[in-house]
PDB file of N, CA and C in Angstrom:
ATOM      1  N   MET A   1      -1.706   5.800  10.043  1.00  0.00           N
ATOM      2  CA  MET A   1      -2.040   5.916   8.654  1.00  0.00           C
ATOM      3  C   MET A   1      -3.036   4.803   8.323  1.00  0.00           C
ATOM      4  N   PRO A   2      -4.127   5.092   7.634  1.00  0.00           N
ATOM      5  CA  PRO A   2      -5.123   4.077   7.295  1.00  0.00           C
ATOM      6  C   PRO A   2      -4.620   3.149   6.187  1.00  0.00           C
ATOM      7  N   TRP A   3      -5.314   2.039   6.027  1.00  0.00           N
ATOM      8  CA  TRP A   3      -4.987   1.086   4.958  1.00  0.00           C
ATOM      9  C   TRP A   3      -5.041   1.794   3.622  1.00  0.00           C
ATOM     10  N   ASN A   4      -3.979   1.664   2.860  1.00  0.00           N
ATOM     11  CA  ASN A   4      -3.920   2.215   1.508  1.00  0.00           C
ATOM     12  C   ASN A   4      -3.951   1.011   0.581  1.00  0.00           C
ATOM     13  N   GLY A   5      -5.123   0.716   0.035  1.00  0.00           N
ATOM     14  CA  GLY A   5      -5.330  -0.502  -0.745  1.00  0.00           C
ATOM     15  C   GLY A   5      -4.274  -0.774  -1.790  1.00  0.00           C
ATOM     16  N   ASP A   6      -3.938   0.209  -2.612  1.00  0.00           N
ATOM     17  CA  ASP A   6      -2.972  -0.010  -3.691  1.00  0.00           C
ATOM     18  C   ASP A   6      -1.563  -0.211  -3.159  1.00  0.00           C
ATOM     19  N   GLU A   7      -1.107   0.738  -2.350  1.00  0.00           N
ATOM     20  CA  GLU A   7       0.267   0.673  -1.854  1.00  0.00           C
ATOM     21  C   GLU A   7       0.467  -0.474  -0.870  1.00  0.00           C
ATOM     22  N   ASP A   8      -0.422  -0.612   0.121  1.00  0.00           N
ATOM     23  CA  ASP A   8      -0.258  -1.653   1.128  1.00  0.00           C
ATOM     24  C   ASP A   8      -0.409  -3.047   0.530  1.00  0.00           C
ATOM     25  N   ALA A   9      -1.340  -3.222  -0.395  1.00  0.00           N
ATOM     26  CA  ALA A   9      -1.507  -4.528  -1.032  1.00  0.00           C
ATOM     27  C   ALA A   9      -0.266  -4.876  -1.852  1.00  0.00           C
ATOM     28  N   ARG A  10       0.293  -3.899  -2.522  1.00  0.00           N
ATOM     29  CA  ARG A  10       1.500  -4.131  -3.327  1.00  0.00           C
ATOM     30  C   ARG A  10       2.660  -4.541  -2.423  1.00  0.00           C
ATOM     31  N   ARG A  11       2.768  -3.892  -1.266  1.00  0.00           N
ATOM     32  CA  ARG A  11       3.824  -4.217  -0.307  1.00  0.00           C
ATOM     33  C   ARG A  11       3.496  -5.470   0.489  1.00  0.00           C
ATOM     34  N   GLY A  12       2.208  -5.831   0.535  1.00  0.00           N
ATOM     35  CA  GLY A  12       1.800  -6.992   1.321  1.00  0.00           C
ATOM     36  C   GLY A  12       1.874  -6.746   2.812  1.00  0.00           C
ATOM     37  N   GLN A  13       1.758  -5.493   3.226  1.00  0.00           N
ATOM     38  CA  GLN A  13       1.906  -5.120   4.630  1.00  0.00           C
ATOM     39  C   GLN A  13       0.801  -4.152   5.036  1.00  0.00           C
ATOM     40  N   PHE A  14       0.458  -4.168   6.330  1.00  0.00           N
ATOM     41  CA  PHE A  14      -0.409  -3.167   6.930  1.00  0.00           C
ATOM     42  C   PHE A  14       0.416  -2.453   7.981  1.00  0.00           C
ATOM     43  N   GLN A  15       0.419  -1.118   7.949  1.00  0.00           N
ATOM     44  CA  GLN A  15       1.159  -0.353   8.947  1.00  0.00           C
ATOM     45  C   GLN A  15       0.177   0.206   9.964  1.00  0.00           C
ATOM     46  N   CYS A  16       0.423  -0.093  11.233  1.00  0.00           N
ATOM     47  CA  CYS A  16      -0.416   0.395  12.322  1.00  0.00           C
ATOM     48  C   CYS A  16      -0.321   1.921  12.399  1.00  0.00           C
ATOM     49  N   PRO A  17      -1.461   2.604  12.454  1.00  0.00           N
ATOM     50  CA  PRO A  17      -1.426   4.063  12.511  1.00  0.00           C
ATOM     51  C   PRO A  17      -0.996   4.605  13.885  1.00  0.00           C
ATOM     52  N   CYS A  18      -1.019   3.766  14.916  1.00  0.00           N
ATOM     53  CA  CYS A  18      -0.679   4.242  16.266  1.00  0.00           C
ATOM     54  C   CYS A  18       0.825   4.279  16.523  1.00  0.00           C
ATOM     55  N   HIS A  19       1.506   3.149  16.291  1.00  0.00           N
ATOM     56  CA  HIS A  19       2.915   3.058  16.656  1.00  0.00           C
ATOM     57  C   HIS A  19       3.824   2.646  15.507  1.00  0.00           C
ATOM     58  N   GLY A  20       3.257   2.431  14.317  1.00  0.00           N
ATOM     59  CA  GLY A  20       4.081   2.139  13.151  1.00  0.00           C
ATOM     60  C   GLY A  20       4.491   0.687  12.983  1.00  0.00           C
ATOM     61  N   SER A  21       3.980  -0.216  13.813  1.00  0.00           N
ATOM     62  CA  SER A  21       4.287  -1.629  13.601  1.00  0.00           C
ATOM     63  C   SER A  21       3.749  -2.050  12.245  1.00  0.00           C
ATOM     64  N   GLU A  22       4.405  -3.011  11.618  1.00  0.00           N
ATOM     65  CA  GLU A  22       3.939  -3.526  10.336  1.00  0.00           C
ATOM     66  C   GLU A  22       3.576  -4.988  10.484  1.00  0.00           C
ATOM     67  N   PHE A  23       2.527  -5.389   9.765  1.00  0.00           N
ATOM     68  CA  PHE A  23       1.999  -6.743   9.815  1.00  0.00           C
ATOM     69  C   PHE A  23       1.800  -7.246   8.392  1.00  0.00           C
ATOM     70  N   ASN A  24       2.038  -8.535   8.185  1.00  0.00           N
ATOM     71  CA  ASN A  24       1.792  -9.115   6.864  1.00  0.00           C
ATOM     72  C   ASN A  24       0.313  -9.487   6.736  1.00  0.00           C
ATOM     73  N   ARG A  25      -0.053 -10.119   5.634  1.00  0.00           N
ATOM     74  CA  ARG A  25      -1.469 -10.421   5.380  1.00  0.00           C
ATOM     75  C   ARG A  25      -2.041 -11.458   6.336  1.00  0.00           C
ATOM     76  N   PHE A  26      -1.192 -12.137   7.092  1.00  0.00           N
ATOM     77  CA  PHE A  26      -1.638 -13.106   8.089  1.00  0.00           C
ATOM     78  C   PHE A  26      -1.741 -12.480   9.480  1.00  0.00           C
ATOM     79  N   GLY A  27      -1.414 -11.190   9.584  1.00  0.00           N
ATOM     80  CA  GLY A  27      -1.447 -10.510  10.866  1.00  0.00           C
ATOM     81  C   GLY A  27      -0.196 -10.700  11.692  1.00  0.00           C
ATOM     82  N   GLU A  28       0.834 -11.316  11.102  1.00  0.00           N
ATOM     83  CA  GLU A  28       2.101 -11.497  11.818  1.00  0.00           C
ATOM     84  C   GLU A  28       2.862 -10.177  11.840  1.00  0.00           C
ATOM     85  N   ARG A  29       3.441  -9.859  12.994  1.00  0.00           N
ATOM     86  CA  ARG A  29       4.254  -8.647  13.098  1.00  0.00           C
ATOM     87  C   ARG A  29       5.553  -8.846  12.326  1.00  0.00           C
ATOM     88  N   THR A  30       5.843  -7.921  11.421  1.00  0.00           N
ATOM     89  CA  THR A  30       7.087  -7.999  10.657  1.00  0.00           C
ATOM     90  C   THR A  30       8.095  -6.950  11.100  1.00  0.00           C
ATOM     91  N   SER A  31       7.610  -5.882  11.761  1.00  0.00           N
ATOM     92  CA  SER A  31       8.522  -4.883  12.325  1.00  0.00           C
ATOM     93  C   SER A  31       7.742  -3.976  13.270  1.00  0.00           C
ATOM     94  N   GLY A  32       8.490  -3.292  14.113  1.00  0.00           N
ATOM     95  CA  GLY A  32       7.884  -2.323  15.011  1.00  0.00           C
ATOM     96  C   GLY A  32       7.763  -2.804  16.437  1.00  0.00           C
ATOM     97  N   PRO A  33       7.163  -1.957  17.271  1.00  0.00           N
ATOM     98  CA  PRO A  33       7.122  -2.248  18.702  1.00  0.00           C
ATOM     99  C   PRO A  33       6.027  -3.221  19.148  1.00  0.00           C
ATOM    100  N   ALA A  34       5.086  -3.581  18.302  1.00  0.00           N
ATOM    101  CA  ALA A  34       4.015  -4.502  18.732  1.00  0.00           C
ATOM    102  C   ALA A  34       4.632  -5.802  19.243  1.00  0.00           C
ATOM    103  N   PRO A  35       4.153  -6.323  20.375  1.00  0.00           N
ATOM    104  CA  PRO A  35       4.756  -7.513  20.957  1.00  0.00           C
ATOM    105  C   PRO A  35       4.240  -8.838  20.389  1.00  0.00           C
ATOM    106  N   ARG A  36       3.157  -8.789  19.584  1.00  0.00           N
ATOM    107  CA  ARG A  36       2.563 -10.034  19.098  1.00  0.00           C
ATOM    108  C   ARG A  36       1.752  -9.771  17.831  1.00  0.00           C
ATOM    109  N   PRO A  37       1.233 -10.833  17.210  1.00  0.00           N
ATOM    110  CA  PRO A  37       0.417 -10.653  16.004  1.00  0.00           C
ATOM    111  C   PRO A  37      -0.889  -9.913  16.303  1.00  0.00           C
ATOM    112  N   LEU A  38      -1.571  -9.520  15.246  1.00  0.00           N
ATOM    113  CA  LEU A  38      -2.882  -8.889  15.399  1.00  0.00           C
ATOM    114  C   LEU A  38      -3.866  -9.873  16.015  1.00  0.00           C
ATOM    115  N   ASP A  39      -4.829  -9.348  16.760  1.00  0.00           N
ATOM    116  CA  ASP A  39      -5.875 -10.179  17.347  1.00  0.00           C
ATOM    117  C   ASP A  39      -6.810 -10.707  16.260  1.00  0.00           C
ATOM    118  N   LEU A  40      -7.491 -11.800  16.575  1.00  0.00           N
ATOM    119  CA  LEU A  40      -8.496 -12.367  15.666  1.00  0.00           C
ATOM    120  C   LEU A  40      -9.885 -11.959  16.124  1.00  0.00           C
ATOM    121  N   LEU A  41     -10.748 -11.648  15.171  1.00  0.00           N
ATOM    122  CA  LEU A  41     -12.142 -11.304  15.446  1.00  0.00           C
ATOM    123  C   LEU A  41     -13.021 -12.159  14.535  1.00  0.00           C
ATOM    124  N   PRO A  42     -14.138 -12.693  15.053  1.00  0.00           N
ATOM    125  CA  PRO A  42     -15.021 -13.521  14.234  1.00  0.00           C
ATOM    126  C   PRO A  42     -15.610 -12.734  13.052  1.00  0.00           C
ATOM    127  N   LEU A  43     -15.586 -13.342  11.884  1.00  0.00           N
ATOM    128  CA  LEU A  43     -16.105 -12.741  10.661  1.00  0.00           C
ATOM    129  C   LEU A  43     -17.204 -13.619  10.100  1.00  0.00           C
ATOM    130  N   THR A  44     -18.357 -13.034   9.836  1.00  0.00           N
ATOM    131  CA  THR A  44     -19.468 -13.743   9.204  1.00  0.00           C
ATOM    132  C   THR A  44     -20.030 -12.851   8.100  1.00  0.00           C
ATOM    133  N   PHE A  45     -20.900 -13.416   7.293  1.00  0.00           N
ATOM    134  CA  PHE A  45     -21.560 -12.664   6.227  1.00  0.00           C
ATOM    135  C   PHE A  45     -23.062 -12.809   6.382  1.00  0.00           C
ATOM    136  N   ASP A  46     -23.784 -11.691   6.210  1.00  0.00           N
ATOM    137  CA  ASP A  46     -25.236 -11.768   6.308  1.00  0.00           C
ATOM    138  C   ASP A  46     -25.825 -12.225   4.971  1.00  0.00           C
ATOM    139  N   ALA A  47     -27.150 -12.333   4.892  1.00  0.00           N
ATOM    140  CA  ALA A  47     -27.833 -12.843   3.701  1.00  0.00           C
ATOM    141  C   ALA A  47     -27.570 -11.986   2.464  1.00  0.00           C
ATOM    142  N   ASP A  48     -27.244 -10.707   2.658  1.00  0.00           N
ATOM    143  CA  ASP A  48     -26.962  -9.812   1.532  1.00  0.00           C
ATOM    144  C   ASP A  48     -25.492  -9.812   1.136  1.00  0.00           C
ATOM    145  N   GLY A  49     -24.669 -10.597   1.839  1.00  0.00           N
ATOM    146  CA  GLY A  49     -23.245 -10.672   1.529  1.00  0.00           C
ATOM    147  C   GLY A  49     -22.401  -9.629   2.231  1.00  0.00           C
ATOM    148  N   ASN A  50     -22.989  -8.898   3.169  1.00  0.00           N
ATOM    149  CA  ASN A  50     -22.233  -7.904   3.925  1.00  0.00           C
ATOM    150  C   ASN A  50     -21.415  -8.575   5.019  1.00  0.00           C
ATOM    151  N   ALA A  51     -20.166  -8.172   5.142  1.00  0.00           N
ATOM    152  CA  ALA A  51     -19.298  -8.718   6.182  1.00  0.00           C
ATOM    153  C   ALA A  51     -19.684  -8.148   7.539  1.00  0.00           C
ATOM    154  N   ARG A  52     -19.682  -9.008   8.551  1.00  0.00           N
ATOM    155  CA  ARG A  52     -19.968  -8.615   9.934  1.00  0.00           C
ATOM    156  C   ARG A  52     -18.808  -9.080  10.803  1.00  0.00           C
ATOM    157  N   ILE A  53     -18.237  -8.160  11.568  1.00  0.00           N
ATOM    158  CA  ILE A  53     -17.131  -8.479  12.463  1.00  0.00           C
ATOM    159  C   ILE A  53     -17.600  -8.260  13.894  1.00  0.00           C
ATOM    160  N   ASP A  54     -17.468  -9.310  14.721  1.00  0.00           N
ATOM    161  CA  ASP A  54     -17.902  -9.237  16.110  1.00  0.00           C
ATOM    162  C   ASP A  54     -16.740  -8.769  16.970  1.00  0.00           C
ATOM    163  N   THR A  55     -16.754  -7.496  17.346  1.00  0.00           N
ATOM    164  CA  THR A  55     -15.655  -6.935  18.134  1.00  0.00           C
ATOM    165  C   THR A  55     -15.777  -7.240  19.622  1.00  0.00           C
ATOM    166  N   ASP A  56     -16.851  -7.953  20.016  1.00  0.00           N
ATOM    167  CA  ASP A  56     -17.000  -8.357  21.416  1.00  0.00           C
ATOM    168  C   ASP A  56     -16.218  -9.634  21.729  1.00  0.00           C
ATOM    169  N   ILE A  57     -15.851 -10.376  20.688  1.00  0.00           N
ATOM    170  CA  ILE A  57     -15.112 -11.630  20.877  1.00  0.00           C
ATOM    171  C   ILE A  57     -13.716 -11.456  20.278  1.00  0.00           C
ATOM    172  N   VAL A  58     -12.731 -11.273  21.136  1.00  0.00           N
ATOM    173  CA  VAL A  58     -11.357 -11.028  20.699  1.00  0.00           C
ATOM    174  C   VAL A  58     -10.491 -12.211  21.101  1.00  0.00           C
ATOM    175  N   THR A  59      -9.759 -12.759  20.147  1.00  0.00           N
ATOM    176  CA  THR A  59      -8.830 -13.845  20.417  1.00  0.00           C
ATOM    177  C   THR A  59      -7.407 -13.314  20.258  1.00  0.00           C
ATOM    178  N   GLN A  60      -6.674 -13.255  21.376  1.00  0.00           N
ATOM    179  CA  GLN A  60      -5.271 -12.859  21.311  1.00  0.00           C
ATOM    180  C   GLN A  60      -4.452 -14.087  20.926  1.00  0.00           C
ATOM    181  N   ARG A  61      -3.392 -13.864  20.197  1.00  0.00           N
ATOM    182  CA  ARG A  61      -2.538 -14.982  19.796  1.00  0.00           C
ATOM    183  C   ARG A  61      -1.074 -14.605  19.917  1.00  0.00           C
ATOM    184  N   ASP A  62      -0.243 -15.632  20.069  1.00  0.00           N
ATOM    185  CA  ASP A  62       1.196 -15.421  20.198  1.00  0.00           C
ATOM    186  C   ASP A  62       1.923 -15.609  18.879  1.00  0.00           C
ATOM    187  N   GLU A  63       1.302 -16.369  17.982  1.00  0.00           N
ATOM    188  CA  GLU A  63       1.916 -16.615  16.676  1.00  0.00           C
ATOM    189  C   GLU A  63       0.833 -16.993  15.674  1.00  0.00           C
ATOM    190  N   TYR A  64       1.204 -16.960  14.416  1.00  0.00           N
ATOM    191  CA  TYR A  64       0.283 -17.325  13.346  1.00  0.00           C
ATOM    192  C   TYR A  64       0.196 -18.843  13.240  1.00  0.00           C
ATOM    193  N   ASP A  65      -1.010 -19.350  13.066  1.00  0.00           N
ATOM    194  CA  ASP A  65      -1.271 -20.768  12.826  1.00  0.00           C
ATOM    195  C   ASP A  65      -2.083 -20.838  11.536  1.00  0.00           C
ATOM    196  N   PRO A  66      -1.668 -21.601  10.528  1.00  0.00           N
ATOM    197  CA  PRO A  66      -2.407 -21.680   9.276  1.00  0.00           C
ATOM    198  C   PRO A  66      -3.894 -22.023   9.458  1.00  0.00           C
ATOM    199  N   ALA A  67      -4.244 -22.682  10.548  1.00  0.00           N
ATOM    200  CA  ALA A  67      -5.651 -23.010  10.805  1.00  0.00           C
ATOM    201  C   ALA A  67      -6.481 -21.741  11.071  1.00  0.00           C
ATOM    202  N   GLN A  68      -5.815 -20.613  11.337  1.00  0.00           N
ATOM    203  CA  GLN A  68      -6.521 -19.371  11.606  1.00  0.00           C
ATOM    204  C   GLN A  68      -6.932 -18.653  10.321  1.00  0.00           C
ATOM    205  N   ALA A  69      -6.422 -19.077   9.189  1.00  0.00           N
ATOM    206  CA  ALA A  69      -6.700 -18.411   7.918  1.00  0.00           C
ATOM    207  C   ALA A  69      -7.958 -18.969   7.276  1.00  0.00           C
ATOM    208  N   VAL A  70      -8.650 -18.097   6.580  1.00  0.00           N
ATOM    209  CA  VAL A  70      -9.844 -18.487   5.835  1.00  0.00           C
ATOM    210  C   VAL A  70      -9.510 -18.466   4.363  1.00  0.00           C
ATOM    211  N   ARG A  71      -9.880 -19.514   3.670  1.00  0.00           N
ATOM    212  CA  ARG A  71      -9.599 -19.551   2.228  1.00  0.00           C
ATOM    213  C   ARG A  71     -10.590 -18.743   1.454  1.00  0.00           C
TER     214      ARG A  71
END
């Protein structure tokens, strides 16, 4: 199931469309079969303010670290 902005934001969760795992806004697994948090991908913004995500650089993680969050 894709991200449902209203419902998922209200619940504060993202549900994986493949296996039903749920993740909070930090990418931490809160339920389901996923063995670890969501991967991190570099995020930048171009001169027009468009978000760019580099899917060639994937950082796997075992747990959430507050240093991984962007304010």
